[in-house]
PDB file of all heavy atoms in Angstrom:
ATOM      1  N   GLY A   1       2.839   3.447  -9.627  1.00  0.00           N
ATOM      2  CA  GLY A   1       3.643   4.418  -8.892  1.00  0.00           C
ATOM      3  C   GLY A   1       3.379   4.360  -7.396  1.00  0.00           C
ATOM      4  O   GLY A   1       4.311   4.434  -6.585  1.00  0.00           O
ATOM      5  N   ALA A   2       2.114   4.220  -7.018  1.00  0.00           N
ATOM      6  CA  ALA A   2       1.765   4.154  -5.598  1.00  0.00           C
ATOM      7  C   ALA A   2       2.349   2.907  -4.950  1.00  0.00           C
ATOM      8  O   ALA A   2       2.836   2.950  -3.812  1.00  0.00           O
ATOM      9  CB  ALA A   2       0.253   4.174  -5.433  1.00  0.00           C
ATOM     10  N   CYS A   3       2.337   1.786  -5.661  1.00  0.00           N
ATOM     11  CA  CYS A   3       2.873   0.540  -5.105  1.00  0.00           C
ATOM     12  C   CYS A   3       4.386   0.604  -4.976  1.00  0.00           C
ATOM     13  O   CYS A   3       4.960   0.131  -3.974  1.00  0.00           O
ATOM     14  CB  CYS A   3       2.467  -0.642  -5.981  1.00  0.00           C
ATOM     15  SG  CYS A   3       0.686  -0.992  -5.944  1.00  0.00           S
ATOM     16  N   PHE A   4       5.051   1.188  -5.969  1.00  0.00           N
ATOM     17  CA  PHE A   4       6.508   1.316  -5.870  1.00  0.00           C
ATOM     18  C   PHE A   4       6.868   2.267  -4.730  1.00  0.00           C
ATOM     19  O   PHE A   4       7.783   1.999  -3.947  1.00  0.00           O
ATOM     20  CB  PHE A   4       7.094   1.834  -7.185  1.00  0.00           C
ATOM     21  CG  PHE A   4       8.591   1.908  -7.168  1.00  0.00           C
ATOM     22  CD1 PHE A   4       9.342   0.756  -7.323  1.00  0.00           C
ATOM     23  CD2 PHE A   4       9.251   3.117  -6.971  1.00  0.00           C
ATOM     24  CE1 PHE A   4      10.733   0.811  -7.293  1.00  0.00           C
ATOM     25  CE2 PHE A   4      10.636   3.170  -6.936  1.00  0.00           C
ATOM     26  CZ  PHE A   4      11.375   2.020  -7.105  1.00  0.00           C
ATOM     27  N   HIS A   5       6.145   3.369  -4.621  1.00  0.00           N
ATOM     28  CA  HIS A   5       6.404   4.321  -3.539  1.00  0.00           C
ATOM     29  C   HIS A   5       6.233   3.647  -2.184  1.00  0.00           C
ATOM     30  O   HIS A   5       7.010   3.869  -1.255  1.00  0.00           O
ATOM     31  CB  HIS A   5       5.473   5.525  -3.662  1.00  0.00           C
ATOM     32  CG  HIS A   5       5.626   6.516  -2.561  1.00  0.00           C
ATOM     33  ND1 HIS A   5       4.775   6.554  -1.462  1.00  0.00           N
ATOM     34  CD2 HIS A   5       6.548   7.489  -2.346  1.00  0.00           C
ATOM     35  CE1 HIS A   5       5.152   7.516  -0.643  1.00  0.00           C
ATOM     36  NE2 HIS A   5       6.223   8.100  -1.160  1.00  0.00           N
ATOM     37  N   ASN A   6       5.220   2.803  -2.070  1.00  0.00           N
ATOM     38  CA  ASN A   6       4.992   2.106  -0.807  1.00  0.00           C
ATOM     39  C   ASN A   6       6.175   1.213  -0.440  1.00  0.00           C
ATOM     40  O   ASN A   6       6.503   1.049   0.735  1.00  0.00           O
ATOM     41  CB  ASN A   6       3.719   1.266  -0.893  1.00  0.00           C
ATOM     42  CG  ASN A   6       3.402   0.557   0.408  1.00  0.00           C
ATOM     43  OD1 ASN A   6       3.007   1.179   1.386  1.00  0.00           O
ATOM     44  ND2 ASN A   6       3.585  -0.753   0.440  1.00  0.00           N
ATOM     45  N   SER A   7       6.838   0.640  -1.458  1.00  0.00           N
ATOM     46  CA  SER A   7       7.935  -0.282  -1.192  1.00  0.00           C
ATOM     47  C   SER A   7       9.208   0.424  -0.721  1.00  0.00           C
ATOM     48  O   SER A   7      10.062  -0.207  -0.091  1.00  0.00           O
ATOM     49  CB  SER A   7       8.255  -1.107  -2.446  1.00  0.00           C
ATOM     50  OG  SER A   7       8.912  -0.322  -3.427  1.00  0.00           O
ATOM     51  N   VAL A   8       9.342   1.724  -1.000  1.00  0.00           N
ATOM     52  CA  VAL A   8      10.571   2.428  -0.617  1.00  0.00           C
ATOM     53  C   VAL A   8      10.375   3.411   0.533  1.00  0.00           C
ATOM     54  O   VAL A   8      11.350   3.935   1.060  1.00  0.00           O
ATOM     55  CB  VAL A   8      11.171   3.175  -1.833  1.00  0.00           C
ATOM     56  CG1 VAL A   8      11.533   2.204  -2.938  1.00  0.00           C
ATOM     57  CG2 VAL A   8      10.214   4.240  -2.366  1.00  0.00           C
ATOM     58  N   ARG A   9       9.148   3.666   0.945  1.00  0.00           N
ATOM     59  CA  ARG A   9       8.915   4.612   2.031  1.00  0.00           C
ATOM     60  C   ARG A   9       9.298   3.968   3.361  1.00  0.00           C
ATOM     61  O   ARG A   9       9.264   2.749   3.497  1.00  0.00           O
ATOM     62  CB  ARG A   9       7.466   5.087   2.050  1.00  0.00           C
ATOM     63  CG  ARG A   9       6.439   4.008   2.235  1.00  0.00           C
ATOM     64  CD  ARG A   9       5.026   4.542   2.160  1.00  0.00           C
ATOM     65  NE  ARG A   9       4.707   5.406   3.281  1.00  0.00           N
ATOM     66  CZ  ARG A   9       3.559   6.065   3.411  1.00  0.00           C
ATOM     67  NH1 ARG A   9       2.637   5.960   2.458  1.00  0.00           N
ATOM     68  NH2 ARG A   9       3.329   6.797   4.457  1.00  0.00           N
ATOM     69  N   PRO A  10       9.665   4.763   4.383  1.00  0.00           N
ATOM     70  CA  PRO A  10      10.103   4.185   5.661  1.00  0.00           C
ATOM     71  C   PRO A  10       8.986   3.547   6.465  1.00  0.00           C
ATOM     72  O   PRO A  10       9.240   2.753   7.365  1.00  0.00           O
ATOM     73  CB  PRO A  10      10.691   5.395   6.400  1.00  0.00           C
ATOM     74  CG  PRO A  10      10.020   6.583   5.788  1.00  0.00           C
ATOM     75  CD  PRO A  10       9.806   6.226   4.341  1.00  0.00           C
ATOM     76  N   ASP A  11       7.716   3.874   6.167  1.00  0.00           N
ATOM     77  CA  ASP A  11       6.595   3.300   6.909  1.00  0.00           C
ATOM     78  C   ASP A  11       5.591   2.668   5.940  1.00  0.00           C
ATOM     79  O   ASP A  11       4.454   3.110   5.817  1.00  0.00           O
ATOM     80  CB  ASP A  11       5.900   4.374   7.752  1.00  0.00           C
ATOM     81  CG  ASP A  11       5.398   5.543   6.901  1.00  0.00           C
ATOM     82  OD1 ASP A  11       5.906   5.717   5.776  1.00  0.00           O
ATOM     83  OD2 ASP A  11       4.486   6.257   7.353  1.00  0.00           O
ATOM     84  N   PRO A  12       6.015   1.624   5.208  1.00  0.00           N
ATOM     85  CA  PRO A  12       5.117   1.028   4.210  1.00  0.00           C
ATOM     86  C   PRO A  12       3.963   0.282   4.852  1.00  0.00           C
ATOM     87  O   PRO A  12       3.991  -0.048   6.036  1.00  0.00           O
ATOM     88  CB  PRO A  12       6.044   0.055   3.469  1.00  0.00           C
ATOM     89  CG  PRO A  12       7.027  -0.359   4.515  1.00  0.00           C
ATOM     90  CD  PRO A  12       7.268   0.881   5.338  1.00  0.00           C
ATOM     91  N   ALA A  13       2.934   0.048   4.023  1.00  0.00           N
ATOM     92  CA  ALA A  13       1.849  -0.842   4.456  1.00  0.00           C
ATOM     93  C   ALA A  13       2.408  -2.252   4.335  1.00  0.00           C
ATOM     94  O   ALA A  13       2.331  -2.881   3.284  1.00  0.00           O
ATOM     95  CB  ALA A  13       0.630  -0.653   3.567  1.00  0.00           C
ATOM     96  N   ALA A  14       3.006  -2.736   5.436  1.00  0.00           N
ATOM     97  CA  ALA A  14       3.820  -3.943   5.345  1.00  0.00           C
ATOM     98  C   ALA A  14       3.071  -5.231   5.671  1.00  0.00           C
ATOM     99  O   ALA A  14       3.292  -6.254   5.023  1.00  0.00           O
ATOM    100  CB  ALA A  14       5.043  -3.821   6.268  1.00  0.00           C
ATOM    101  N   ASP A  15       2.200  -5.218   6.681  1.00  0.00           N
ATOM    102  CA  ASP A  15       1.529  -6.464   7.017  1.00  0.00           C
ATOM    103  C   ASP A  15       0.369  -6.706   6.055  1.00  0.00           C
ATOM    104  O   ASP A  15      -0.078  -5.808   5.345  1.00  0.00           O
ATOM    105  CB  ASP A  15       1.035  -6.448   8.467  1.00  0.00           C
ATOM    106  CG  ASP A  15      -0.010  -5.365   8.701  1.00  0.00           C
ATOM    107  OD1 ASP A  15      -1.193  -5.628   8.467  1.00  0.00           O
ATOM    108  OD2 ASP A  15       0.387  -4.245   9.095  1.00  0.00           O
ATOM    109  N   GLU A  16      -0.111  -7.943   6.040  1.00  0.00           N
ATOM    110  CA  GLU A  16      -1.115  -8.320   5.044  1.00  0.00           C
ATOM    111  C   GLU A  16      -2.394  -7.496   5.143  1.00  0.00           C
ATOM    112  O   GLU A  16      -2.951  -7.076   4.123  1.00  0.00           O
ATOM    113  CB  GLU A  16      -1.444  -9.806   5.196  1.00  0.00           C
ATOM    114  CG  GLU A  16      -2.378 -10.326   4.123  1.00  0.00           C
ATOM    115  CD  GLU A  16      -2.596 -11.818   4.207  1.00  0.00           C
ATOM    116  OE1 GLU A  16      -1.876 -12.473   4.983  1.00  0.00           O
ATOM    117  OE2 GLU A  16      -3.488 -12.318   3.496  1.00  0.00           O
ATOM    118  N   ALA A  17      -2.853  -7.233   6.371  1.00  0.00           N
ATOM    119  CA  ALA A  17      -4.092  -6.465   6.533  1.00  0.00           C
ATOM    120  C   ALA A  17      -3.923  -5.037   6.014  1.00  0.00           C
ATOM    121  O   ALA A  17      -4.809  -4.502   5.339  1.00  0.00           O
ATOM    122  CB  ALA A  17      -4.508  -6.435   8.002  1.00  0.00           C
ATOM    123  N   ALA A  18      -2.779  -4.429   6.302  1.00  0.00           N
ATOM    124  CA  ALA A  18      -2.521  -3.060   5.838  1.00  0.00           C
ATOM    125  C   ALA A  18      -2.406  -3.019   4.318  1.00  0.00           C
ATOM    126  O   ALA A  18      -2.911  -2.092   3.671  1.00  0.00           O
ATOM    127  CB  ALA A  18      -1.245  -2.513   6.487  1.00  0.00           C
ATOM    128  N   ARG A  19      -1.752  -4.023   3.731  1.00  0.00           N
ATOM    129  CA  ARG A  19      -1.646  -4.067   2.269  1.00  0.00           C
ATOM    130  C   ARG A  19      -3.016  -4.239   1.634  1.00  0.00           C
ATOM    131  O   ARG A  19      -3.309  -3.624   0.605  1.00  0.00           O
ATOM    132  CB  ARG A  19      -0.719  -5.208   1.839  1.00  0.00           C
ATOM    133  CG  ARG A  19       0.752  -4.921   1.992  1.00  0.00           C
ATOM    134  CD  ARG A  19       1.594  -5.862   1.146  1.00  0.00           C
ATOM    135  NE  ARG A  19       1.325  -7.266   1.432  1.00  0.00           N
ATOM    136  CZ  ARG A  19       1.945  -7.965   2.369  1.00  0.00           C
ATOM    137  NH1 ARG A  19       2.860  -7.377   3.114  1.00  0.00           N
ATOM    138  NH2 ARG A  19       1.672  -9.240   2.549  1.00  0.00           N
ATOM    139  N   ARG A  20      -3.844  -5.065   2.238  1.00  0.00           N
ATOM    140  CA  ARG A  20      -5.175  -5.288   1.693  1.00  0.00           C
ATOM    141  C   ARG A  20      -6.001  -4.005   1.708  1.00  0.00           C
ATOM    142  O   ARG A  20      -6.687  -3.677   0.730  1.00  0.00           O
ATOM    143  CB  ARG A  20      -5.879  -6.391   2.493  1.00  0.00           C
ATOM    144  CG  ARG A  20      -7.186  -6.857   1.862  1.00  0.00           C
ATOM    145  CD  ARG A  20      -7.649  -8.201   2.404  1.00  0.00           C
ATOM    146  NE  ARG A  20      -7.634  -8.240   3.854  1.00  0.00           N
ATOM    147  CZ  ARG A  20      -6.821  -8.987   4.590  1.00  0.00           C
ATOM    148  NH1 ARG A  20      -5.929  -9.766   3.992  1.00  0.00           N
ATOM    149  NH2 ARG A  20      -6.880  -8.980   5.908  1.00  0.00           N
ATOM    150  N   ARG A  21      -5.915  -3.271   2.816  1.00  0.00           N
ATOM    151  CA  ARG A  21      -6.645  -1.993   2.904  1.00  0.00           C
ATOM    152  C   ARG A  21      -6.131  -1.002   1.873  1.00  0.00           C
ATOM    153  O   ARG A  21      -6.918  -0.321   1.200  1.00  0.00           O
ATOM    154  CB  ARG A  21      -6.512  -1.414   4.311  1.00  0.00           C
ATOM    155  CG  ARG A  21      -7.333  -2.126   5.379  1.00  0.00           C
ATOM    156  CD  ARG A  21      -7.397  -1.300   6.653  1.00  0.00           C
ATOM    157  NE  ARG A  21      -6.077  -1.030   7.195  1.00  0.00           N
ATOM    158  CZ  ARG A  21      -5.444  -1.819   8.070  1.00  0.00           C
ATOM    159  NH1 ARG A  21      -6.017  -2.939   8.470  1.00  0.00           N
ATOM    160  NH2 ARG A  21      -4.248  -1.502   8.532  1.00  0.00           N
ATOM    161  N   TYR A  22      -4.807  -0.900   1.759  1.00  0.00           N
ATOM    162  CA  TYR A  22      -4.217   0.061   0.826  1.00  0.00           C
ATOM    163  C   TYR A  22      -4.562  -0.315  -0.616  1.00  0.00           C
ATOM    164  O   TYR A  22      -4.909   0.555  -1.434  1.00  0.00           O
ATOM    165  CB  TYR A  22      -2.701   0.099   1.019  1.00  0.00           C
ATOM    166  CG  TYR A  22      -1.998   1.196   0.267  1.00  0.00           C
ATOM    167  CD1 TYR A  22      -2.520   2.486   0.207  1.00  0.00           C
ATOM    168  CD2 TYR A  22      -0.800   0.942  -0.394  1.00  0.00           C
ATOM    169  CE1 TYR A  22      -1.870   3.496  -0.483  1.00  0.00           C
ATOM    170  CE2 TYR A  22      -0.139   1.953  -1.077  1.00  0.00           C
ATOM    171  CZ  TYR A  22      -0.678   3.223  -1.125  1.00  0.00           C
ATOM    172  OH  TYR A  22      -0.021   4.212  -1.807  1.00  0.00           O
ATOM    173  N   ALA A  23      -4.502  -1.609  -0.935  1.00  0.00           N
ATOM    174  CA  ALA A  23      -4.852  -2.052  -2.287  1.00  0.00           C
ATOM    175  C   ALA A  23      -6.311  -1.742  -2.593  1.00  0.00           C
ATOM    176  O   ALA A  23      -6.649  -1.326  -3.710  1.00  0.00           O
ATOM    177  CB  ALA A  23      -4.584  -3.544  -2.438  1.00  0.00           C
ATOM    178  N   GLN A  24      -7.177  -1.931  -1.611  1.00  0.00           N
ATOM    179  CA  GLN A  24      -8.592  -1.616  -1.806  1.00  0.00           C
ATOM    180  C   GLN A  24      -8.788  -0.133  -2.100  1.00  0.00           C
ATOM    181  O   GLN A  24      -9.578   0.240  -2.983  1.00  0.00           O
ATOM    182  CB  GLN A  24      -9.396  -2.008  -0.567  1.00  0.00           C
ATOM    183  CG  GLN A  24     -10.904  -1.868  -0.736  1.00  0.00           C
ATOM    184  CD  GLN A  24     -11.455  -2.848  -1.756  1.00  0.00           C
ATOM    185  OE1 GLN A  24     -11.263  -4.061  -1.623  1.00  0.00           O
ATOM    186  NE2 GLN A  24     -12.121  -2.338  -2.772  1.00  0.00           N
ATOM    187  N   GLU A  25      -8.062   0.705  -1.367  1.00  0.00           N
ATOM    188  CA  GLU A  25      -8.155   2.153  -1.610  1.00  0.00           C
ATOM    189  C   GLU A  25      -7.672   2.504  -3.019  1.00  0.00           C
ATOM    190  O   GLU A  25      -8.291   3.320  -3.716  1.00  0.00           O
ATOM    191  CB  GLU A  25      -7.334   2.918  -0.570  1.00  0.00           C
ATOM    192  CG  GLU A  25      -7.892   2.867   0.842  1.00  0.00           C
ATOM    193  CD  GLU A  25      -9.224   3.585   0.946  1.00  0.00           C
ATOM    194  OE1 GLU A  25      -9.399   4.610   0.276  1.00  0.00           O
ATOM    195  OE2 GLU A  25     -10.097   3.101   1.696  1.00  0.00           O
ATOM    196  N   LEU A  26      -6.572   1.891  -3.435  1.00  0.00           N
ATOM    197  CA  LEU A  26      -6.050   2.165  -4.774  1.00  0.00           C
ATOM    198  C   LEU A  26      -7.029   1.690  -5.848  1.00  0.00           C
ATOM    199  O   LEU A  26      -7.260   2.381  -6.852  1.00  0.00           O
ATOM    200  CB  LEU A  26      -4.698   1.471  -4.964  1.00  0.00           C
ATOM    201  CG  LEU A  26      -3.525   2.022  -4.164  1.00  0.00           C
ATOM    202  CD1 LEU A  26      -2.280   1.161  -4.380  1.00  0.00           C
ATOM    203  CD2 LEU A  26      -3.231   3.471  -4.551  1.00  0.00           C
ATOM    204  N   GLY A  27      -7.605   0.505  -5.650  1.00  0.00           N
ATOM    205  CA  GLY A  27      -8.582   0.005  -6.604  1.00  0.00           C
ATOM    206  C   GLY A  27      -9.810   0.895  -6.681  1.00  0.00           C
ATOM    207  O   GLY A  27     -10.320   1.183  -7.775  1.00  0.00           O
ATOM    208  N   ASP A  28     -10.286   1.340  -5.511  1.00  0.00           N
ATOM    209  CA  ASP A  28     -11.446   2.244  -5.489  1.00  0.00           C
ATOM    210  C   ASP A  28     -11.132   3.561  -6.188  1.00  0.00           C
ATOM    211  O   ASP A  28     -11.965   4.101  -6.929  1.00  0.00           O
ATOM    212  CB  ASP A  28     -11.862   2.526  -4.039  1.00  0.00           C
ATOM    213  CG  ASP A  28     -12.526   1.325  -3.374  1.00  0.00           C
ATOM    214  OD1 ASP A  28     -12.851   0.363  -4.089  1.00  0.00           O
ATOM    215  OD2 ASP A  28     -12.703   1.364  -2.139  1.00  0.00           O
ATOM    216  N   MET A  29      -9.934   4.096  -5.931  1.00  0.00           N
ATOM    217  CA  MET A  29      -9.532   5.357  -6.548  1.00  0.00           C
ATOM    218  C   MET A  29      -9.516   5.237  -8.075  1.00  0.00           C
ATOM    219  O   MET A  29     -10.069   6.083  -8.790  1.00  0.00           O
ATOM    220  CB  MET A  29      -8.152   5.764  -6.043  1.00  0.00           C
ATOM    221  CG  MET A  29      -7.596   7.036  -6.686  1.00  0.00           C
ATOM    222  SD  MET A  29      -5.849   7.328  -6.258  1.00  0.00           S
ATOM    223  CE  MET A  29      -5.050   5.990  -7.167  1.00  0.00           C
TER     224      MET A  29
END
C-alpha cells in the first residue's frame, strides 16, 4: 500500500536515493 501510494502522490520519492531511503524505512517498519 505504501509503495502504491508513493506512485500516485504528487511528490513521490522519485530519485534513486530517495527511493532507497524510503524503502529502508518501510523495511525497518
